[in-house]
Amino acid sequence: MNKLSRPPLREQLTPSQLLHSLREAAMGYMPMLMLAVLFLFSVWLVKSVPSQDSFQPPAPPTHNADYDFQNFILKSYEMNGKLKSTIHGVFAQHFQDTMNTEIKLPYVLVYNNDRVMSVRGKKAIVNEDGSEVQLLGQTLLKRDDVHLQEDDMQISGEFLHFFVNTDTLVSHLPVHIVRGKNRFTADNLHADNVNQLYVLKGHVHATLTPAAKD
């Protein structure tokens, strides 16, 4: 009768061999672990990002006055300290959305060498740095020469847009111009006070009075 053979004893692994075996097993499960981590990160990211329904864009500034003042005088000066212009008004409001100041019953004085120009109207819109003034409603501009070297001039209409820095004046509405004894009317105007150039367009009408002979 044959004796039963014993199974061979399991070979003992050295510590280095055991560590190598564990490393091989870990490397085999690494792709699965990475996929699991990426999946969990994706789930967290989706839950963290707010939905489009909950996202509210910032509201644009409304056309509401952020401050106002009454019975005022605003003065602007040249770099050398010389007075450039003054703006008088009964009531004014500043609007944050346009950064403009709207003035009720404005009266503007602009000083340029020996000339003083005054502008008035029912309403004025002044930009942030005061370089542009728009006059609306029964506007009237007068230019006086201190030394009377030139004829005084005035321009009237329903709209005048004055650019302080370039000393130009434009209007897209009809204007009436008086210079000395001469009269002009036009549908729109572009005036360059520095070069004394006035461009009248549209239906232009002029009444010229001959200069008196000595």
N, C-alpha and C. Protein backbone atom coordinates (compact mmCIF):
# COMPACT_ATOMS: atom_id res chain seq x y z
N MET A 1 0.85 -1.15 0.00
CA MET A 1 0.00 0.00 0.00
C MET A 1 0.90 1.22 0.00
N ASN A 2 0.63 2.11 -1.00
CA ASN A 2 1.47 3.31 -1.14
C ASN A 2 1.14 4.33 -0.07
N LYS A 3 2.21 4.92 0.45
CA LYS A 3 2.01 5.99 1.40
C LYS A 3 1.60 7.27 0.68
N LEU A 4 0.67 8.00 1.35
CA LEU A 4 0.23 9.29 0.79
C LEU A 4 1.40 10.26 0.83
N SER A 5 1.58 10.97 -0.34
CA SER A 5 2.67 11.94 -0.39
C SER A 5 2.20 13.27 0.16
N ARG A 6 3.01 13.87 0.97
CA ARG A 6 2.65 15.18 1.53
C ARG A 6 2.84 16.28 0.46
N PRO A 7 1.96 17.31 0.53
CA PRO A 7 2.16 18.43 -0.41
C PRO A 7 3.45 19.13 -0.09
N PRO A 8 4.08 19.63 -1.08
CA PRO A 8 5.34 20.32 -0.83
C PRO A 8 5.14 21.55 0.04
N LEU A 9 6.06 21.78 0.93
CA LEU A 9 5.96 22.95 1.81
C LEU A 9 6.03 24.23 0.97
N ARG A 10 5.17 25.22 1.39
CA ARG A 10 5.16 26.50 0.67
C ARG A 10 6.48 27.22 0.89
N GLU A 11 7.01 27.71 -0.19
CA GLU A 11 8.32 28.34 -0.12
C GLU A 11 8.23 29.64 0.66
N GLN A 12 9.06 29.83 1.58
CA GLN A 12 9.11 31.06 2.37
C GLN A 12 9.68 32.20 1.51
N LEU A 13 8.95 33.40 1.56
CA LEU A 13 9.41 34.58 0.80
C LEU A 13 10.26 35.46 1.69
N THR A 14 11.26 35.98 1.11
CA THR A 14 12.11 36.92 1.83
C THR A 14 11.40 38.28 1.89
N PRO A 15 11.75 39.16 2.81
CA PRO A 15 11.12 40.50 2.88
C PRO A 15 11.19 41.26 1.57
N SER A 16 12.30 41.19 0.88
CA SER A 16 12.41 41.92 -0.39
C SER A 16 11.48 41.35 -1.44
N GLN A 17 11.35 40.03 -1.44
CA GLN A 17 10.43 39.40 -2.40
C GLN A 17 8.99 39.74 -2.07
N LEU A 18 8.67 39.78 -0.77
CA LEU A 18 7.31 40.13 -0.35
C LEU A 18 6.97 41.57 -0.74
N LEU A 19 7.90 42.47 -0.55
CA LEU A 19 7.68 43.87 -0.92
C LEU A 19 7.50 44.00 -2.42
N HIS A 20 8.28 43.26 -3.18
CA HIS A 20 8.13 43.31 -4.65
C HIS A 20 6.77 42.78 -5.07
N SER A 21 6.30 41.73 -4.41
CA SER A 21 5.00 41.14 -4.74
C SER A 21 3.87 42.12 -4.45
N LEU A 22 3.95 42.81 -3.29
CA LEU A 22 2.93 43.80 -2.95
C LEU A 22 2.95 44.96 -3.94
N ARG A 23 4.14 45.36 -4.36
CA ARG A 23 4.24 46.46 -5.33
C ARG A 23 3.61 46.08 -6.65
N GLU A 24 3.84 44.84 -7.09
CA GLU A 24 3.24 44.39 -8.34
C GLU A 24 1.72 44.38 -8.23
N ALA A 25 1.18 43.97 -7.08
CA ALA A 25 -0.28 43.95 -6.90
C ALA A 25 -0.85 45.35 -6.90
N ALA A 26 -0.14 46.28 -6.24
CA ALA A 26 -0.62 47.67 -6.19
C ALA A 26 -0.62 48.29 -7.58
N MET A 27 0.43 48.02 -8.38
CA MET A 27 0.47 48.56 -9.73
C MET A 27 -0.65 48.02 -10.59
N GLY A 28 -1.08 46.79 -10.30
CA GLY A 28 -2.18 46.23 -11.06
C GLY A 28 -3.50 46.91 -10.76
N TYR A 29 -3.69 47.38 -9.50
CA TYR A 29 -4.93 48.06 -9.13
C TYR A 29 -4.87 49.58 -9.35
N MET A 30 -3.69 50.12 -9.71
CA MET A 30 -3.54 51.57 -9.84
C MET A 30 -4.50 52.20 -10.85
N PRO A 31 -4.66 51.65 -12.08
CA PRO A 31 -5.60 52.29 -13.02
C PRO A 31 -7.02 52.37 -12.46
N MET A 32 -7.46 51.32 -11.78
CA MET A 32 -8.81 51.33 -11.21
C MET A 32 -8.93 52.40 -10.12
N LEU A 33 -7.88 52.53 -9.29
CA LEU A 33 -7.90 53.56 -8.25
C LEU A 33 -7.94 54.96 -8.84
N MET A 34 -7.16 55.21 -9.92
CA MET A 34 -7.15 56.52 -10.56
C MET A 34 -8.51 56.86 -11.15
N LEU A 35 -9.17 55.88 -11.78
CA LEU A 35 -10.51 56.12 -12.33
C LEU A 35 -11.50 56.45 -11.22
N ALA A 36 -11.37 55.78 -10.09
CA ALA A 36 -12.27 56.05 -8.97
C ALA A 36 -12.06 57.47 -8.44
N VAL A 37 -10.79 57.89 -8.32
CA VAL A 37 -10.50 59.24 -7.83
C VAL A 37 -11.02 60.30 -8.80
N LEU A 38 -10.81 60.10 -10.10
CA LEU A 38 -11.31 61.05 -11.09
C LEU A 38 -12.83 61.13 -11.08
N PHE A 39 -13.49 60.00 -10.89
CA PHE A 39 -14.95 59.98 -10.83
C PHE A 39 -15.45 60.79 -9.63
N LEU A 40 -14.84 60.56 -8.47
CA LEU A 40 -15.25 61.28 -7.26
C LEU A 40 -14.98 62.78 -7.40
N PHE A 41 -13.86 63.14 -8.05
CA PHE A 41 -13.55 64.55 -8.26
C PHE A 41 -14.57 65.20 -9.20
N SER A 42 -14.98 64.46 -10.25
CA SER A 42 -15.97 64.99 -11.18
C SER A 42 -17.30 65.23 -10.49
N VAL A 43 -17.72 64.30 -9.64
CA VAL A 43 -18.98 64.46 -8.91
C VAL A 43 -18.91 65.68 -8.00
N TRP A 44 -17.77 65.86 -7.32
CA TRP A 44 -17.62 67.02 -6.43
C TRP A 44 -17.63 68.32 -7.22
N LEU A 45 -16.99 68.33 -8.39
CA LEU A 45 -16.92 69.54 -9.21
C LEU A 45 -18.29 69.94 -9.72
N VAL A 46 -19.09 68.95 -10.16
CA VAL A 46 -20.44 69.25 -10.65
C VAL A 46 -21.30 69.83 -9.55
N LYS A 47 -21.17 69.29 -8.34
CA LYS A 47 -21.98 69.79 -7.23
C LYS A 47 -21.51 71.17 -6.75
N SER A 48 -20.22 71.47 -6.96
CA SER A 48 -19.68 72.74 -6.47
C SER A 48 -20.01 73.90 -7.38
N VAL A 49 -20.04 73.68 -8.70
CA VAL A 49 -20.30 74.76 -9.66
C VAL A 49 -21.77 75.12 -9.61
N PRO A 50 -22.11 76.44 -9.42
CA PRO A 50 -23.52 76.82 -9.38
C PRO A 50 -24.17 76.64 -10.73
N SER A 51 -25.41 76.28 -10.72
CA SER A 51 -26.15 76.10 -11.97
C SER A 51 -26.45 77.43 -12.61
N GLN A 52 -26.76 77.40 -13.90
CA GLN A 52 -27.05 78.64 -14.60
C GLN A 52 -28.30 79.31 -14.07
N ASP A 53 -29.22 78.52 -13.54
CA ASP A 53 -30.44 79.10 -13.00
C ASP A 53 -30.15 79.95 -11.77
N SER A 54 -29.15 79.55 -10.97
CA SER A 54 -28.85 80.29 -9.75
C SER A 54 -27.88 81.44 -9.99
N PHE A 55 -27.23 81.49 -11.18
CA PHE A 55 -26.27 82.56 -11.47
C PHE A 55 -27.02 83.84 -11.82
N GLN A 56 -26.71 84.92 -11.11
CA GLN A 56 -27.34 86.21 -11.34
C GLN A 56 -26.27 87.22 -11.72
N PRO A 57 -26.28 87.71 -12.98
CA PRO A 57 -25.28 88.71 -13.37
C PRO A 57 -25.51 90.00 -12.59
N PRO A 58 -24.46 90.77 -12.38
CA PRO A 58 -24.62 92.03 -11.66
C PRO A 58 -25.54 92.98 -12.40
N ALA A 59 -26.39 93.63 -11.65
CA ALA A 59 -27.36 94.54 -12.26
C ALA A 59 -26.66 95.79 -12.79
N PRO A 60 -27.00 96.23 -14.00
CA PRO A 60 -26.37 97.44 -14.54
C PRO A 60 -26.81 98.66 -13.73
N PRO A 61 -25.98 99.70 -13.72
CA PRO A 61 -26.36 100.91 -12.99
C PRO A 61 -27.66 101.50 -13.54
N THR A 62 -28.51 101.92 -12.65
CA THR A 62 -29.77 102.53 -13.06
C THR A 62 -29.59 104.03 -13.22
N HIS A 63 -30.48 104.62 -14.01
CA HIS A 63 -30.40 106.06 -14.25
C HIS A 63 -31.08 106.80 -13.09
N ASN A 64 -30.46 106.67 -11.93
CA ASN A 64 -30.94 107.37 -10.75
C ASN A 64 -29.81 108.26 -10.23
N ALA A 65 -30.16 109.44 -9.79
CA ALA A 65 -29.15 110.39 -9.32
C ALA A 65 -28.54 109.89 -8.02
N ASP A 66 -27.19 109.91 -7.96
CA ASP A 66 -26.52 109.51 -6.72
C ASP A 66 -26.28 110.70 -5.80
N TYR A 67 -26.32 111.93 -6.35
CA TYR A 67 -26.31 113.11 -5.49
C TYR A 67 -26.82 114.30 -6.29
N ASP A 68 -27.20 115.35 -5.61
CA ASP A 68 -27.69 116.57 -6.26
C ASP A 68 -27.29 117.78 -5.43
N PHE A 69 -27.38 118.97 -6.04
CA PHE A 69 -27.07 120.21 -5.33
C PHE A 69 -27.86 121.33 -5.97
N GLN A 70 -28.02 122.44 -5.22
CA GLN A 70 -28.85 123.55 -5.65
C GLN A 70 -28.07 124.85 -5.57
N ASN A 71 -28.47 125.79 -6.45
CA ASN A 71 -27.92 127.15 -6.46
C ASN A 71 -26.40 127.13 -6.29
N PHE A 72 -25.72 126.69 -7.32
CA PHE A 72 -24.29 126.42 -7.23
C PHE A 72 -23.53 127.17 -8.32
N ILE A 73 -22.21 127.20 -8.16
CA ILE A 73 -21.29 127.72 -9.17
C ILE A 73 -20.11 126.75 -9.25
N LEU A 74 -19.86 126.21 -10.44
CA LEU A 74 -18.72 125.34 -10.67
C LEU A 74 -17.68 126.10 -11.50
N LYS A 75 -16.43 126.08 -11.05
CA LYS A 75 -15.36 126.78 -11.74
C LYS A 75 -14.29 125.80 -12.18
N SER A 76 -13.75 125.99 -13.38
CA SER A 76 -12.63 125.18 -13.87
C SER A 76 -11.49 126.12 -14.24
N TYR A 77 -10.26 125.66 -14.02
CA TYR A 77 -9.09 126.50 -14.21
C TYR A 77 -8.10 125.85 -15.17
N GLU A 78 -7.28 126.70 -15.79
CA GLU A 78 -6.17 126.22 -16.61
C GLU A 78 -5.06 125.67 -15.70
N MET A 79 -4.06 125.01 -16.30
CA MET A 79 -2.95 124.49 -15.52
C MET A 79 -2.18 125.61 -14.82
N ASN A 80 -2.19 126.81 -15.40
CA ASN A 80 -1.47 127.94 -14.80
C ASN A 80 -2.30 128.68 -13.76
N GLY A 81 -3.49 128.16 -13.46
CA GLY A 81 -4.34 128.79 -12.45
C GLY A 81 -5.31 129.82 -13.00
N LYS A 82 -5.29 130.06 -14.30
CA LYS A 82 -6.19 131.03 -14.91
C LYS A 82 -7.59 130.44 -15.03
N LEU A 83 -8.57 131.25 -14.69
CA LEU A 83 -9.96 130.79 -14.76
C LEU A 83 -10.35 130.50 -16.21
N LYS A 84 -10.88 129.29 -16.44
CA LYS A 84 -11.26 128.87 -17.78
C LYS A 84 -12.75 129.00 -18.01
N SER A 85 -13.57 128.58 -17.07
CA SER A 85 -15.01 128.64 -17.25
C SER A 85 -15.72 128.55 -15.90
N THR A 86 -16.94 129.03 -15.88
CA THR A 86 -17.80 128.89 -14.70
C THR A 86 -19.18 128.43 -15.17
N ILE A 87 -19.81 127.62 -14.34
CA ILE A 87 -21.16 127.13 -14.64
C ILE A 87 -22.05 127.44 -13.45
N HIS A 88 -23.09 128.23 -13.69
CA HIS A 88 -24.09 128.54 -12.67
C HIS A 88 -25.32 127.68 -12.94
N GLY A 89 -26.01 127.28 -11.88
CA GLY A 89 -27.21 126.49 -12.05
C GLY A 89 -28.14 126.59 -10.87
N VAL A 90 -29.42 126.36 -11.13
CA VAL A 90 -30.43 126.38 -10.07
C VAL A 90 -30.48 125.03 -9.37
N PHE A 91 -30.39 123.96 -10.14
CA PHE A 91 -30.47 122.61 -9.58
C PHE A 91 -29.70 121.66 -10.49
N ALA A 92 -28.99 120.70 -9.89
CA ALA A 92 -28.19 119.76 -10.68
C ALA A 92 -28.25 118.38 -10.04
N GLN A 93 -28.16 117.36 -10.89
CA GLN A 93 -28.12 115.97 -10.45
C GLN A 93 -27.01 115.24 -11.20
N HIS A 94 -26.30 114.39 -10.48
CA HIS A 94 -25.25 113.57 -11.09
C HIS A 94 -25.75 112.14 -11.21
N PHE A 95 -25.54 111.53 -12.40
CA PHE A 95 -26.03 110.18 -12.67
C PHE A 95 -24.83 109.26 -12.86
N GLN A 96 -24.85 108.14 -12.12
CA GLN A 96 -23.71 107.23 -12.11
C GLN A 96 -23.59 106.44 -13.40
N ASP A 97 -24.72 106.11 -14.05
CA ASP A 97 -24.65 105.26 -15.26
C ASP A 97 -24.01 105.99 -16.43
N THR A 98 -24.24 107.30 -16.55
CA THR A 98 -23.68 108.08 -17.65
C THR A 98 -22.48 108.92 -17.21
N MET A 99 -22.27 109.06 -15.91
CA MET A 99 -21.22 109.91 -15.35
C MET A 99 -21.39 111.36 -15.80
N ASN A 100 -22.62 111.76 -16.08
CA ASN A 100 -22.92 113.13 -16.49
C ASN A 100 -23.67 113.85 -15.38
N THR A 101 -23.60 115.18 -15.45
CA THR A 101 -24.35 116.03 -14.54
C THR A 101 -25.38 116.81 -15.34
N GLU A 102 -26.63 116.73 -14.95
CA GLU A 102 -27.71 117.46 -15.61
C GLU A 102 -28.07 118.68 -14.77
N ILE A 103 -28.08 119.84 -15.43
CA ILE A 103 -28.26 121.11 -14.75
C ILE A 103 -29.53 121.79 -15.26
N LYS A 104 -30.31 122.30 -14.32
CA LYS A 104 -31.53 123.03 -14.66
C LYS A 104 -31.21 124.52 -14.71
N LEU A 105 -31.66 125.18 -15.78
CA LEU A 105 -31.44 126.61 -16.01
C LEU A 105 -29.96 126.97 -15.86
N PRO A 106 -29.11 126.40 -16.71
CA PRO A 106 -27.67 126.67 -16.61
C PRO A 106 -27.30 128.02 -17.22
N TYR A 107 -26.20 128.57 -16.71
CA TYR A 107 -25.61 129.77 -17.27
C TYR A 107 -24.09 129.56 -17.24
N VAL A 108 -23.50 129.48 -18.44
CA VAL A 108 -22.09 129.12 -18.56
C VAL A 108 -21.31 130.33 -19.08
N LEU A 109 -20.15 130.59 -18.46
CA LEU A 109 -19.24 131.63 -18.92
C LEU A 109 -17.91 130.98 -19.27
N VAL A 110 -17.40 131.25 -20.46
CA VAL A 110 -16.12 130.71 -20.92
C VAL A 110 -15.21 131.88 -21.25
N TYR A 111 -14.00 131.86 -20.66
CA TYR A 111 -13.05 132.95 -20.82
C TYR A 111 -11.92 132.49 -21.74
N ASN A 112 -11.67 133.27 -22.79
CA ASN A 112 -10.62 132.92 -23.76
C ASN A 112 -9.95 134.21 -24.22
N ASN A 113 -8.78 134.48 -23.65
CA ASN A 113 -8.02 135.71 -23.96
C ASN A 113 -8.90 136.93 -23.68
N ASP A 114 -9.18 137.72 -24.70
CA ASP A 114 -9.97 138.93 -24.49
C ASP A 114 -11.45 138.71 -24.80
N ARG A 115 -11.86 137.48 -24.97
CA ARG A 115 -13.26 137.19 -25.29
C ARG A 115 -13.94 136.50 -24.12
N VAL A 116 -15.16 136.85 -23.93
CA VAL A 116 -15.98 136.20 -22.91
C VAL A 116 -17.22 135.67 -23.61
N MET A 117 -17.46 134.38 -23.48
CA MET A 117 -18.61 133.75 -24.11
C MET A 117 -19.56 133.26 -23.03
N SER A 118 -20.83 133.60 -23.17
CA SER A 118 -21.86 133.16 -22.24
C SER A 118 -22.85 132.28 -22.98
N VAL A 119 -23.29 131.22 -22.30
CA VAL A 119 -24.25 130.29 -22.89
C VAL A 119 -25.31 130.00 -21.83
N ARG A 120 -26.55 129.99 -22.25
CA ARG A 120 -27.63 129.67 -21.33
C ARG A 120 -28.69 128.83 -22.04
N GLY A 121 -29.53 128.17 -21.28
CA GLY A 121 -30.60 127.34 -21.83
C GLY A 121 -31.49 126.83 -20.71
N LYS A 122 -32.45 126.00 -21.08
CA LYS A 122 -33.32 125.41 -20.07
C LYS A 122 -32.64 124.26 -19.31
N LYS A 123 -31.75 123.56 -20.02
CA LYS A 123 -31.11 122.39 -19.42
C LYS A 123 -29.73 122.22 -20.02
N ALA A 124 -28.81 121.71 -19.20
CA ALA A 124 -27.46 121.42 -19.67
C ALA A 124 -27.05 120.03 -19.21
N ILE A 125 -26.28 119.35 -20.05
CA ILE A 125 -25.68 118.06 -19.71
C ILE A 125 -24.18 118.22 -19.81
N VAL A 126 -23.50 118.04 -18.68
CA VAL A 126 -22.06 118.25 -18.60
C VAL A 126 -21.39 116.92 -18.32
N ASN A 127 -20.33 116.60 -19.08
CA ASN A 127 -19.63 115.33 -18.85
C ASN A 127 -18.75 115.41 -17.61
N GLU A 128 -18.06 114.31 -17.29
CA GLU A 128 -17.40 114.17 -16.00
C GLU A 128 -16.31 115.22 -15.76
N ASP A 129 -15.52 115.55 -16.79
CA ASP A 129 -14.42 116.50 -16.59
C ASP A 129 -14.77 117.91 -17.04
N GLY A 130 -16.03 118.14 -17.44
CA GLY A 130 -16.45 119.48 -17.83
C GLY A 130 -15.97 119.93 -19.18
N SER A 131 -15.43 119.01 -19.99
CA SER A 131 -14.92 119.39 -21.31
C SER A 131 -16.01 119.48 -22.37
N GLU A 132 -17.19 118.94 -22.09
CA GLU A 132 -18.31 119.00 -23.04
C GLU A 132 -19.56 119.48 -22.31
N VAL A 133 -20.25 120.43 -22.93
CA VAL A 133 -21.49 120.97 -22.38
C VAL A 133 -22.54 120.95 -23.48
N GLN A 134 -23.63 120.25 -23.22
CA GLN A 134 -24.75 120.23 -24.16
C GLN A 134 -25.88 121.08 -23.58
N LEU A 135 -26.32 122.06 -24.37
CA LEU A 135 -27.40 122.95 -23.96
C LEU A 135 -28.67 122.59 -24.72
N LEU A 136 -29.78 122.49 -24.01
CA LEU A 136 -31.05 122.11 -24.63
C LEU A 136 -32.14 123.09 -24.23
N GLY A 137 -32.98 123.45 -25.19
CA GLY A 137 -34.15 124.27 -24.93
C GLY A 137 -33.86 125.76 -24.85
N GLN A 138 -34.26 126.50 -25.88
CA GLN A 138 -34.10 127.96 -25.92
C GLN A 138 -32.68 128.37 -25.55
N THR A 139 -31.72 127.79 -26.25
CA THR A 139 -30.32 128.08 -25.95
C THR A 139 -29.91 129.40 -26.59
N LEU A 140 -28.99 130.08 -25.93
CA LEU A 140 -28.50 131.35 -26.43
C LEU A 140 -27.03 131.49 -26.07
N LEU A 141 -26.21 131.68 -27.09
CA LEU A 141 -24.77 131.89 -26.91
C LEU A 141 -24.43 133.31 -27.33
N LYS A 142 -23.68 133.99 -26.47
CA LYS A 142 -23.23 135.34 -26.80
C LYS A 142 -21.71 135.39 -26.63
N ARG A 143 -21.05 136.03 -27.58
CA ARG A 143 -19.61 136.23 -27.49
C ARG A 143 -19.30 137.70 -27.57
N ASP A 144 -18.66 138.20 -26.54
CA ASP A 144 -18.32 139.62 -26.47
C ASP A 144 -16.81 139.78 -26.54
N ASP A 145 -16.35 140.76 -27.33
CA ASP A 145 -14.94 141.08 -27.41
C ASP A 145 -14.67 142.25 -26.46
N VAL A 146 -13.75 142.03 -25.52
CA VAL A 146 -13.50 143.04 -24.50
C VAL A 146 -13.01 144.35 -25.12
N HIS A 147 -12.15 144.26 -26.12
CA HIS A 147 -11.57 145.46 -26.72
C HIS A 147 -12.32 145.91 -27.98
N LEU A 148 -13.46 145.32 -28.23
CA LEU A 148 -14.32 145.72 -29.35
C LEU A 148 -13.59 145.70 -30.69
N GLN A 149 -12.68 144.74 -30.87
CA GLN A 149 -11.99 144.62 -32.14
C GLN A 149 -12.84 143.89 -33.17
N GLU A 150 -13.81 143.11 -32.72
CA GLU A 150 -14.69 142.38 -33.62
C GLU A 150 -16.13 142.61 -33.21
N ASP A 151 -17.02 142.37 -34.16
CA ASP A 151 -18.45 142.50 -33.85
C ASP A 151 -18.86 141.40 -32.87
N ASP A 152 -19.71 141.77 -31.95
CA ASP A 152 -20.27 140.77 -31.04
C ASP A 152 -21.12 139.78 -31.84
N MET A 153 -21.22 138.57 -31.34
CA MET A 153 -21.95 137.53 -32.04
C MET A 153 -22.81 136.78 -31.06
N GLN A 154 -23.97 136.32 -31.54
CA GLN A 154 -24.81 135.44 -30.73
C GLN A 154 -25.43 134.36 -31.61
N ILE A 155 -25.59 133.19 -31.01
CA ILE A 155 -26.17 132.03 -31.69
C ILE A 155 -27.30 131.50 -30.83
N SER A 156 -28.45 131.28 -31.42
CA SER A 156 -29.60 130.76 -30.68
C SER A 156 -30.18 129.56 -31.40
N GLY A 157 -30.85 128.71 -30.66
CA GLY A 157 -31.47 127.51 -31.21
C GLY A 157 -32.00 126.64 -30.08
N GLU A 158 -32.34 125.41 -30.41
CA GLU A 158 -32.87 124.48 -29.41
C GLU A 158 -31.81 123.51 -28.89
N PHE A 159 -30.63 123.51 -29.53
CA PHE A 159 -29.57 122.59 -29.08
C PHE A 159 -28.22 123.15 -29.49
N LEU A 160 -27.29 123.19 -28.54
CA LEU A 160 -25.91 123.58 -28.80
C LEU A 160 -25.00 122.64 -28.02
N HIS A 161 -23.98 122.14 -28.70
CA HIS A 161 -23.01 121.23 -28.07
C HIS A 161 -21.65 121.91 -28.13
N PHE A 162 -21.16 122.30 -26.94
CA PHE A 162 -19.92 123.06 -26.87
C PHE A 162 -18.80 122.18 -26.33
N PHE A 163 -17.65 122.18 -27.06
CA PHE A 163 -16.45 121.45 -26.66
C PHE A 163 -15.44 122.47 -26.14
N VAL A 164 -15.23 122.45 -24.83
CA VAL A 164 -14.43 123.50 -24.18
C VAL A 164 -12.98 123.44 -24.60
N ASN A 165 -12.37 122.26 -24.63
CA ASN A 165 -10.93 122.15 -24.89
C ASN A 165 -10.55 122.60 -26.29
N THR A 166 -11.41 122.34 -27.27
CA THR A 166 -11.10 122.73 -28.65
C THR A 166 -11.81 124.01 -29.08
N ASP A 167 -12.66 124.55 -28.18
CA ASP A 167 -13.40 125.79 -28.47
C ASP A 167 -14.19 125.66 -29.77
N THR A 168 -14.92 124.56 -29.89
CA THR A 168 -15.78 124.34 -31.04
C THR A 168 -17.22 124.18 -30.58
N LEU A 169 -18.13 124.46 -31.50
CA LEU A 169 -19.55 124.41 -31.20
C LEU A 169 -20.27 123.74 -32.36
N VAL A 170 -21.14 122.78 -32.07
CA VAL A 170 -21.89 122.10 -33.13
C VAL A 170 -23.37 122.04 -32.73
N SER A 171 -24.20 121.92 -33.74
CA SER A 171 -25.63 121.74 -33.52
C SER A 171 -26.22 121.01 -34.73
N HIS A 172 -27.04 120.00 -34.44
CA HIS A 172 -27.71 119.29 -35.52
C HIS A 172 -29.12 119.81 -35.74
N LEU A 173 -29.49 120.86 -35.00
CA LEU A 173 -30.80 121.48 -35.14
C LEU A 173 -30.65 122.90 -35.70
N PRO A 174 -31.73 123.48 -36.23
CA PRO A 174 -31.63 124.82 -36.81
C PRO A 174 -31.10 125.85 -35.82
N VAL A 175 -30.30 126.77 -36.36
CA VAL A 175 -29.70 127.82 -35.55
C VAL A 175 -29.94 129.17 -36.22
N HIS A 176 -29.89 130.21 -35.39
CA HIS A 176 -30.00 131.59 -35.87
C HIS A 176 -28.78 132.34 -35.35
N ILE A 177 -28.01 132.96 -36.28
CA ILE A 177 -26.77 133.61 -35.92
C ILE A 177 -26.87 135.11 -36.23
N VAL A 178 -26.43 135.91 -35.28
CA VAL A 178 -26.37 137.36 -35.45
C VAL A 178 -24.93 137.80 -35.19
N ARG A 179 -24.34 138.45 -36.16
CA ARG A 179 -23.00 139.00 -36.00
C ARG A 179 -22.98 140.43 -36.51
N GLY A 180 -22.88 141.33 -35.59
CA GLY A 180 -23.01 142.74 -35.96
C GLY A 180 -24.41 143.01 -36.50
N LYS A 181 -24.48 143.48 -37.73
CA LYS A 181 -25.76 143.73 -38.38
C LYS A 181 -26.14 142.63 -39.37
N ASN A 182 -25.36 141.58 -39.42
CA ASN A 182 -25.62 140.48 -40.34
C ASN A 182 -26.39 139.37 -39.64
N ARG A 183 -27.23 138.69 -40.44
CA ARG A 183 -28.08 137.63 -39.91
C ARG A 183 -27.91 136.37 -40.76
N PHE A 184 -27.86 135.20 -40.08
CA PHE A 184 -27.73 133.92 -40.77
C PHE A 184 -28.66 132.91 -40.10
N THR A 185 -29.22 132.02 -40.91
CA THR A 185 -29.97 130.88 -40.41
C THR A 185 -29.51 129.64 -41.16
N ALA A 186 -29.54 128.50 -40.48
CA ALA A 186 -29.10 127.24 -41.10
C ALA A 186 -29.74 126.08 -40.34
N ASP A 187 -29.75 124.92 -41.02
CA ASP A 187 -30.33 123.72 -40.38
C ASP A 187 -29.38 123.10 -39.37
N ASN A 188 -28.06 123.24 -39.57
CA ASN A 188 -27.09 122.76 -38.58
C ASN A 188 -25.82 123.57 -38.69
N LEU A 189 -24.96 123.42 -37.69
CA LEU A 189 -23.81 124.31 -37.57
C LEU A 189 -22.61 123.55 -37.03
N HIS A 190 -21.43 123.91 -37.54
CA HIS A 190 -20.16 123.49 -36.95
C HIS A 190 -19.26 124.72 -36.92
N ALA A 191 -18.96 125.21 -35.70
CA ALA A 191 -18.21 126.45 -35.56
C ALA A 191 -16.89 126.17 -34.87
N ASP A 192 -15.81 126.65 -35.48
CA ASP A 192 -14.46 126.55 -34.93
C ASP A 192 -14.05 127.96 -34.51
N ASN A 193 -14.17 128.25 -33.20
CA ASN A 193 -13.90 129.60 -32.73
C ASN A 193 -12.42 129.94 -32.77
N VAL A 194 -11.54 128.94 -32.70
CA VAL A 194 -10.10 129.21 -32.74
C VAL A 194 -9.70 129.76 -34.10
N ASN A 195 -10.16 129.12 -35.17
CA ASN A 195 -9.82 129.53 -36.53
C ASN A 195 -10.86 130.45 -37.16
N GLN A 196 -11.87 130.80 -36.38
CA GLN A 196 -12.95 131.67 -36.87
C GLN A 196 -13.57 131.13 -38.16
N LEU A 197 -13.89 129.81 -38.11
CA LEU A 197 -14.48 129.14 -39.26
C LEU A 197 -15.85 128.61 -38.87
N TYR A 198 -16.87 129.02 -39.62
CA TYR A 198 -18.24 128.61 -39.33
C TYR A 198 -18.82 127.92 -40.56
N VAL A 199 -19.23 126.68 -40.38
CA VAL A 199 -19.78 125.89 -41.48
C VAL A 199 -21.28 125.75 -41.24
N LEU A 200 -22.08 126.30 -42.18
CA LEU A 200 -23.54 126.23 -42.12
C LEU A 200 -24.02 125.27 -43.19
N LYS A 201 -24.94 124.39 -42.84
CA LYS A 201 -25.44 123.39 -43.77
C LYS A 201 -26.96 123.38 -43.75
N GLY A 202 -27.52 122.70 -44.79
CA GLY A 202 -28.97 122.62 -44.89
C GLY A 202 -29.53 123.83 -45.60
N HIS A 203 -30.69 124.26 -45.17
CA HIS A 203 -31.30 125.46 -45.73
C HIS A 203 -30.65 126.68 -45.07
N VAL A 204 -29.74 127.31 -45.81
CA VAL A 204 -28.98 128.44 -45.29
C VAL A 204 -29.55 129.73 -45.87
N HIS A 205 -29.75 130.70 -44.99
CA HIS A 205 -30.24 132.01 -45.43
C HIS A 205 -29.40 133.08 -44.74
N ALA A 206 -28.98 134.08 -45.51
CA ALA A 206 -28.13 135.13 -44.97
C ALA A 206 -28.66 136.50 -45.36
N THR A 207 -28.58 137.42 -44.42
CA THR A 207 -28.91 138.82 -44.67
C THR A 207 -27.69 139.65 -44.29
N LEU A 208 -27.03 140.23 -45.29
CA LEU A 208 -25.79 140.95 -45.08
C LEU A 208 -26.03 142.44 -45.24
N THR A 209 -25.47 143.20 -44.32
CA THR A 209 -25.60 144.65 -44.35
C THR A 209 -24.24 145.24 -44.73
N PRO A 210 -24.19 146.04 -45.81
CA PRO A 210 -22.90 146.61 -46.21
C PRO A 210 -22.31 147.47 -45.10
N ALA A 211 -20.99 147.41 -45.00
CA ALA A 211 -20.33 148.25 -44.00
C ALA A 211 -20.45 149.71 -44.38
N ALA A 212 -20.64 150.52 -43.37
CA ALA A 212 -20.79 151.97 -43.61
C ALA A 212 -19.45 152.55 -44.06
N LYS A 213 -19.50 153.45 -45.06
CA LYS A 213 -18.28 154.08 -45.55
C LYS A 213 -17.96 155.29 -44.69
N ASP A 214 -16.66 155.51 -44.50
CA ASP A 214 -16.22 156.66 -43.72
C ASP A 214 -16.42 157.95 -44.51
